[in-house]
Amino acid sequence: RGLGVGAALVRGLEGAAAQLGLRAVDLHAQTHALGFYERLGYQAYGPEFEDAGIPHRAMRRVL
């Protein structure tokens, strides 16, 4: 954490998605990680839900 590895991974995946012609990336983020994804331009939508007993929110970033 704090080394930029996570952000670099997300940006790499976004680049691959853009090369495939995708216009947006959607993900399910654990609620404690919302801030991380928000700093990368993702916006939460819809209600909170549980996955594997952990609260999550759907998020999207238009590429």
PDB file of N, CA and C in Angstrom:
ATOM      1  N   ARG A   1       0.831  -1.196   0.000  1.00  0.00           N
ATOM      2  CA  ARG A   1       0.000   0.000   0.000  1.00  0.00           C
ATOM      3  C   ARG A   1       0.867   1.248   0.000  1.00  0.00           C
ATOM      4  N   GLY A   2       0.366   2.266  -0.673  1.00  0.00           N
ATOM      5  CA  GLY A   2       1.060   3.541  -0.697  1.00  0.00           C
ATOM      6  C   GLY A   2       2.186   3.637  -1.709  1.00  0.00           C
ATOM      7  N   LEU A   3       2.414   2.587  -2.485  1.00  0.00           N
ATOM      8  CA  LEU A   3       3.495   2.598  -3.465  1.00  0.00           C
ATOM      9  C   LEU A   3       3.001   2.852  -4.890  1.00  0.00           C
ATOM     10  N   GLY A   4       1.687   2.936  -5.078  1.00  0.00           N
ATOM     11  CA  GLY A   4       1.132   3.181  -6.403  1.00  0.00           C
ATOM     12  C   GLY A   4       0.920   1.936  -7.243  1.00  0.00           C
ATOM     13  N   VAL A   5       1.175   0.766  -6.656  1.00  0.00           N
ATOM     14  CA  VAL A   5       1.036  -0.478  -7.411  1.00  0.00           C
ATOM     15  C   VAL A   5      -0.413  -0.730  -7.793  1.00  0.00           C
ATOM     16  N   GLY A   6      -1.335  -0.541  -6.848  1.00  0.00           N
ATOM     17  CA  GLY A   6      -2.752  -0.759  -7.130  1.00  0.00           C
ATOM     18  C   GLY A   6      -3.260   0.154  -8.229  1.00  0.00           C
ATOM     19  N   ALA A   7      -2.910   1.422  -8.154  1.00  0.00           N
ATOM     20  CA  ALA A   7      -3.334   2.380  -9.182  1.00  0.00           C
ATOM     21  C   ALA A   7      -2.746   2.008 -10.540  1.00  0.00           C
ATOM     22  N   ALA A   8      -1.489   1.563 -10.559  1.00  0.00           N
ATOM     23  CA  ALA A   8      -0.860   1.161 -11.820  1.00  0.00           C
ATOM     24  C   ALA A   8      -1.574  -0.055 -12.418  1.00  0.00           C
ATOM     25  N   LEU A   9      -1.967  -0.996 -11.579  1.00  0.00           N
ATOM     26  CA  LEU A   9      -2.705  -2.167 -12.063  1.00  0.00           C
ATOM     27  C   LEU A   9      -4.044  -1.764 -12.665  1.00  0.00           C
ATOM     28  N   VAL A  10      -4.768  -0.895 -11.957  1.00  0.00           N
ATOM     29  CA  VAL A  10      -6.070  -0.449 -12.458  1.00  0.00           C
ATOM     30  C   VAL A  10      -5.894   0.283 -13.779  1.00  0.00           C
ATOM     31  N   ARG A  11      -4.924   1.167 -13.868  1.00  0.00           N
ATOM     32  CA  ARG A  11      -4.684   1.913 -15.110  1.00  0.00           C
ATOM     33  C   ARG A  11      -4.311   0.970 -16.255  1.00  0.00           C
ATOM     34  N   GLY A  12      -3.536  -0.065 -15.951  1.00  0.00           N
ATOM     35  CA  GLY A  12      -3.186  -1.051 -16.969  1.00  0.00           C
ATOM     36  C   GLY A  12      -4.408  -1.790 -17.483  1.00  0.00           C
ATOM     37  N   LEU A  13      -5.296  -2.164 -16.582  1.00  0.00           N
ATOM     38  CA  LEU A  13      -6.538  -2.837 -16.986  1.00  0.00           C
ATOM     39  C   LEU A  13      -7.421  -1.905 -17.801  1.00  0.00           C
ATOM     40  N   GLU A  14      -7.459  -0.637 -17.403  1.00  0.00           N
ATOM     41  CA  GLU A  14      -8.249   0.335 -18.170  1.00  0.00           C
ATOM     42  C   GLU A  14      -7.692   0.485 -19.583  1.00  0.00           C
ATOM     43  N   GLY A  15      -6.369   0.503 -19.706  1.00  0.00           N
ATOM     44  CA  GLY A  15      -5.754   0.598 -21.027  1.00  0.00           C
ATOM     45  C   GLY A  15      -6.102  -0.598 -21.894  1.00  0.00           C
ATOM     46  N   ALA A  16      -6.077  -1.789 -21.300  1.00  0.00           N
ATOM     47  CA  ALA A  16      -6.438  -3.002 -22.044  1.00  0.00           C
ATOM     48  C   ALA A  16      -7.904  -2.952 -22.449  1.00  0.00           C
ATOM     49  N   ALA A  17      -8.768  -2.467 -21.561  1.00  0.00           N
ATOM     50  CA  ALA A  17     -10.196  -2.358 -21.879  1.00  0.00           C
ATOM     51  C   ALA A  17     -10.409  -1.380 -23.024  1.00  0.00           C
ATOM     52  N   ALA A  18      -9.707  -0.259 -23.007  1.00  0.00           N
ATOM     53  CA  ALA A  18      -9.832   0.739 -24.076  1.00  0.00           C
ATOM     54  C   ALA A  18      -9.360   0.161 -25.414  1.00  0.00           C
ATOM     55  N   GLN A  19      -8.284  -0.618 -25.402  1.00  0.00           N
ATOM     56  CA  GLN A  19      -7.789  -1.238 -26.636  1.00  0.00           C
ATOM     57  C   GLN A  19      -8.806  -2.219 -27.222  1.00  0.00           C
ATOM     58  N   LEU A  20      -9.631  -2.800 -26.341  1.00  0.00           N
ATOM     59  CA  LEU A  20     -10.684  -3.714 -26.792  1.00  0.00           C
ATOM     60  C   LEU A  20     -11.924  -2.968 -27.274  1.00  0.00           C
ATOM     61  N   GLY A  21     -11.890  -1.635 -27.149  1.00  0.00           N
ATOM     62  CA  GLY A  21     -13.014  -0.834 -27.600  1.00  0.00           C
ATOM     63  C   GLY A  21     -14.089  -0.596 -26.549  1.00  0.00           C
ATOM     64  N   LEU A  22     -13.813  -0.972 -25.311  1.00  0.00           N
ATOM     65  CA  LEU A  22     -14.788  -0.730 -24.249  1.00  0.00           C
ATOM     66  C   LEU A  22     -14.832   0.755 -23.924  1.00  0.00           C
ATOM     67  N   ARG A  23     -15.993   1.224 -23.564  1.00  0.00           N
ATOM     68  CA  ARG A  23     -16.167   2.649 -23.265  1.00  0.00           C
ATOM     69  C   ARG A  23     -16.194   2.954 -21.779  1.00  0.00           C
ATOM     70  N   ALA A  24     -16.324   1.910 -20.957  1.00  0.00           N
ATOM     71  CA  ALA A  24     -16.384   2.104 -19.504  1.00  0.00           C
ATOM     72  C   ALA A  24     -15.894   0.837 -18.822  1.00  0.00           C
ATOM     73  N   VAL A  25     -15.496   0.999 -17.563  1.00  0.00           N
ATOM     74  CA  VAL A  25     -15.105  -0.126 -16.728  1.00  0.00           C
ATOM     75  C   VAL A  25     -16.005  -0.118 -15.502  1.00  0.00           C
ATOM     76  N   ASP A  26     -16.590  -1.268 -15.199  1.00  0.00           N
ATOM     77  CA  ASP A  26     -17.403  -1.437 -14.000  1.00  0.00           C
ATOM     78  C   ASP A  26     -16.687  -2.400 -13.066  1.00  0.00           C
ATOM     79  N   LEU A  27     -16.851  -2.174 -11.753  1.00  0.00           N
ATOM     80  CA  LEU A  27     -16.261  -3.068 -10.768  1.00  0.00           C
ATOM     81  C   LEU A  27     -17.128  -3.078  -9.520  1.00  0.00           C
ATOM     82  N   HIS A  28     -16.875  -4.051  -8.671  1.00  0.00           N
ATOM     83  CA  HIS A  28     -17.526  -4.145  -7.365  1.00  0.00           C
ATOM     84  C   HIS A  28     -16.443  -3.913  -6.320  1.00  0.00           C
ATOM     85  N   ALA A  29     -16.534  -2.786  -5.631  1.00  0.00           N
ATOM     86  CA  ALA A  29     -15.503  -2.402  -4.665  1.00  0.00           C
ATOM     87  C   ALA A  29     -15.968  -2.652  -3.243  1.00  0.00           C
ATOM     88  N   GLN A  30     -15.085  -3.181  -2.420  1.00  0.00           N
ATOM     89  CA  GLN A  30     -15.376  -3.248  -0.992  1.00  0.00           C
ATOM     90  C   GLN A  30     -15.546  -1.818  -0.507  1.00  0.00           C
ATOM     91  N   THR A  31     -16.518  -1.598   0.373  1.00  0.00           N
ATOM     92  CA  THR A  31     -16.838  -0.221   0.762  1.00  0.00           C
ATOM     93  C   THR A  31     -15.654   0.506   1.388  1.00  0.00           C
ATOM     94  N   HIS A  32     -14.775  -0.203   2.062  1.00  0.00           N
ATOM     95  CA  HIS A  32     -13.622   0.478   2.660  1.00  0.00           C
ATOM     96  C   HIS A  32     -12.643   0.966   1.597  1.00  0.00           C
ATOM     97  N   ALA A  33     -12.756   0.475   0.344  1.00  0.00           N
ATOM     98  CA  ALA A  33     -11.851   0.879  -0.733  1.00  0.00           C
ATOM     99  C   ALA A  33     -12.477   1.899  -1.681  1.00  0.00           C
ATOM    100  N   LEU A  34     -13.662   2.412  -1.360  1.00  0.00           N
ATOM    101  CA  LEU A  34     -14.331   3.368  -2.252  1.00  0.00           C
ATOM    102  C   LEU A  34     -13.450   4.578  -2.541  1.00  0.00           C
ATOM    103  N   GLY A  35     -12.805   5.110  -1.539  1.00  0.00           N
ATOM    104  CA  GLY A  35     -11.961   6.287  -1.721  1.00  0.00           C
ATOM    105  C   GLY A  35     -10.838   6.053  -2.717  1.00  0.00           C
ATOM    106  N   PHE A  36     -10.235   4.880  -2.673  1.00  0.00           N
ATOM    107  CA  PHE A  36      -9.166   4.528  -3.615  1.00  0.00           C
ATOM    108  C   PHE A  36      -9.685   4.631  -5.044  1.00  0.00           C
ATOM    109  N   TYR A  37     -10.821   4.005  -5.307  1.00  0.00           N
ATOM    110  CA  TYR A  37     -11.369   4.018  -6.661  1.00  0.00           C
ATOM    111  C   TYR A  37     -11.896   5.398  -7.052  1.00  0.00           C
ATOM    112  N   GLU A  38     -12.462   6.137  -6.097  1.00  0.00           N
ATOM    113  CA  GLU A  38     -12.920   7.498  -6.392  1.00  0.00           C
ATOM    114  C   GLU A  38     -11.756   8.374  -6.833  1.00  0.00           C
ATOM    115  N   ARG A  39     -10.597   8.219  -6.202  1.00  0.00           N
ATOM    116  CA  ARG A  39      -9.421   8.994  -6.595  1.00  0.00           C
ATOM    117  C   ARG A  39      -8.966   8.646  -8.015  1.00  0.00           C
ATOM    118  N   LEU A  40      -9.341   7.466  -8.499  1.00  0.00           N
ATOM    119  CA  LEU A  40      -9.003   7.052  -9.855  1.00  0.00           C
ATOM    120  C   LEU A  40     -10.108   7.395 -10.854  1.00  0.00           C
ATOM    121  N   GLY A  41     -11.144   8.092 -10.389  1.00  0.00           N
ATOM    122  CA  GLY A  41     -12.194   8.549 -11.287  1.00  0.00           C
ATOM    123  C   GLY A  41     -13.447   7.697 -11.337  1.00  0.00           C
ATOM    124  N   TYR A  42     -13.554   6.694 -10.492  1.00  0.00           N
ATOM    125  CA  TYR A  42     -14.734   5.836 -10.471  1.00  0.00           C
ATOM    126  C   TYR A  42     -15.834   6.484  -9.630  1.00  0.00           C
ATOM    127  N   GLN A  43     -17.080   6.209 -10.020  1.00  0.00           N
ATOM    128  CA  GLN A  43     -18.233   6.721  -9.284  1.00  0.00           C
ATOM    129  C   GLN A  43     -19.098   5.547  -8.841  1.00  0.00           C
ATOM    130  N   ALA A  44     -19.479   5.554  -7.576  1.00  0.00           N
ATOM    131  CA  ALA A  44     -20.342   4.505  -7.036  1.00  0.00           C
ATOM    132  C   ALA A  44     -21.770   4.719  -7.523  1.00  0.00           C
ATOM    133  N   TYR A  45     -22.483   3.607  -7.720  1.00  0.00           N
ATOM    134  CA  TYR A  45     -23.895   3.673  -8.079  1.00  0.00           C
ATOM    135  C   TYR A  45     -24.615   2.477  -7.468  1.00  0.00           C
ATOM    136  N   GLY A  46     -25.888   2.627  -7.289  1.00  0.00           N
ATOM    137  CA  GLY A  46     -26.704   1.547  -6.745  1.00  0.00           C
ATOM    138  C   GLY A  46     -26.494   1.361  -5.253  1.00  0.00           C
ATOM    139  N   PRO A  47     -27.271   0.454  -4.682  1.00  0.00           N
ATOM    140  CA  PRO A  47     -27.203   0.236  -3.235  1.00  0.00           C
ATOM    141  C   PRO A  47     -25.987  -0.601  -2.828  1.00  0.00           C
ATOM    142  N   GLU A  48     -25.659  -0.516  -1.566  1.00  0.00           N
ATOM    143  CA  GLU A  48     -24.615  -1.372  -1.000  1.00  0.00           C
ATOM    144  C   GLU A  48     -25.137  -2.814  -0.992  1.00  0.00           C
ATOM    145  N   PHE A  49     -24.241  -3.778  -1.214  1.00  0.00           N
ATOM    146  CA  PHE A  49     -24.619  -5.184  -1.188  1.00  0.00           C
ATOM    147  C   PHE A  49     -23.476  -5.991  -0.579  1.00  0.00           C
ATOM    148  N   GLU A  50     -23.792  -7.194  -0.160  1.00  0.00           N
ATOM    149  CA  GLU A  50     -22.769  -8.055   0.422  1.00  0.00           C
ATOM    150  C   GLU A  50     -22.269  -9.069  -0.590  1.00  0.00           C
ATOM    151  N   ASP A  51     -20.970  -9.285  -0.581  1.00  0.00           N
ATOM    152  CA  ASP A  51     -20.336 -10.333  -1.368  1.00  0.00           C
ATOM    153  C   ASP A  51     -19.337 -11.012  -0.440  1.00  0.00           C
ATOM    154  N   ALA A  52     -19.482 -12.301  -0.250  1.00  0.00           N
ATOM    155  CA  ALA A  52     -18.620 -13.065   0.665  1.00  0.00           C
ATOM    156  C   ALA A  52     -18.641 -12.466   2.073  1.00  0.00           C
ATOM    157  N   GLY A  53     -19.800 -11.924   2.471  1.00  0.00           N
ATOM    158  CA  GLY A  53     -19.942 -11.353   3.806  1.00  0.00           C
ATOM    159  C   GLY A  53     -19.313  -9.984   3.984  1.00  0.00           C
ATOM    160  N   ILE A  54     -18.886  -9.350   2.891  1.00  0.00           N
ATOM    161  CA  ILE A  54     -18.216  -8.050   2.944  1.00  0.00           C
ATOM    162  C   ILE A  54     -19.064  -7.040   2.165  1.00  0.00           C
ATOM    163  N   PRO A  55     -19.338  -5.854   2.749  1.00  0.00           N
ATOM    164  CA  PRO A  55     -20.131  -4.867   2.020  1.00  0.00           C
ATOM    165  C   PRO A  55     -19.387  -4.301   0.810  1.00  0.00           C
ATOM    166  N   HIS A  56     -20.109  -4.158  -0.289  1.00  0.00           N
ATOM    167  CA  HIS A  56     -19.566  -3.676  -1.562  1.00  0.00           C
ATOM    168  C   HIS A  56     -20.487  -2.627  -2.166  1.00  0.00           C
ATOM    169  N   ARG A  57     -19.947  -1.879  -3.119  1.00  0.00           N
ATOM    170  CA  ARG A  57     -20.727  -0.984  -3.988  1.00  0.00           C
ATOM    171  C   ARG A  57     -20.254  -1.186  -5.409  1.00  0.00           C
ATOM    172  N   ALA A  58     -21.193  -1.072  -6.350  1.00  0.00           N
ATOM    173  CA  ALA A  58     -20.837  -1.083  -7.768  1.00  0.00           C
ATOM    174  C   ALA A  58     -20.244   0.277  -8.105  1.00  0.00           C
ATOM    175  N   MET A  59     -19.241   0.280  -8.990  1.00  0.00           N
ATOM    176  CA  MET A  59     -18.602   1.526  -9.404  1.00  0.00           C
ATOM    177  C   MET A  59     -18.336   1.472 -10.907  1.00  0.00           C
ATOM    178  N   ARG A  60     -18.252   2.655 -11.511  1.00  0.00           N
ATOM    179  CA  ARG A  60     -18.003   2.748 -12.952  1.00  0.00           C
ATOM    180  C   ARG A  60     -17.114   3.941 -13.251  1.00  0.00           C
ATOM    181  N   ARG A  61     -16.265   3.777 -14.276  1.00  0.00           N
ATOM    182  CA  ARG A  61     -15.468   4.884 -14.823  1.00  0.00           C
ATOM    183  C   ARG A  61     -15.586   4.836 -16.333  1.00  0.00           C
ATOM    184  N   VAL A  62     -16.000   5.960 -16.904  1.00  0.00           N
ATOM    185  CA  VAL A  62     -16.061   6.071 -18.353  1.00  0.00           C
ATOM    186  C   VAL A  62     -14.642   6.300 -18.855  1.00  0.00           C
ATOM    187  N   LEU A  63     -14.256   5.564 -19.887  1.00  0.00           N
ATOM    188  CA  LEU A  63     -12.887   5.648 -20.407  1.00  0.00           C
ATOM    189  C   LEU A  63     -12.722   6.766 -21.414  1.00  0.00           C
TER     190      LEU A  63
END
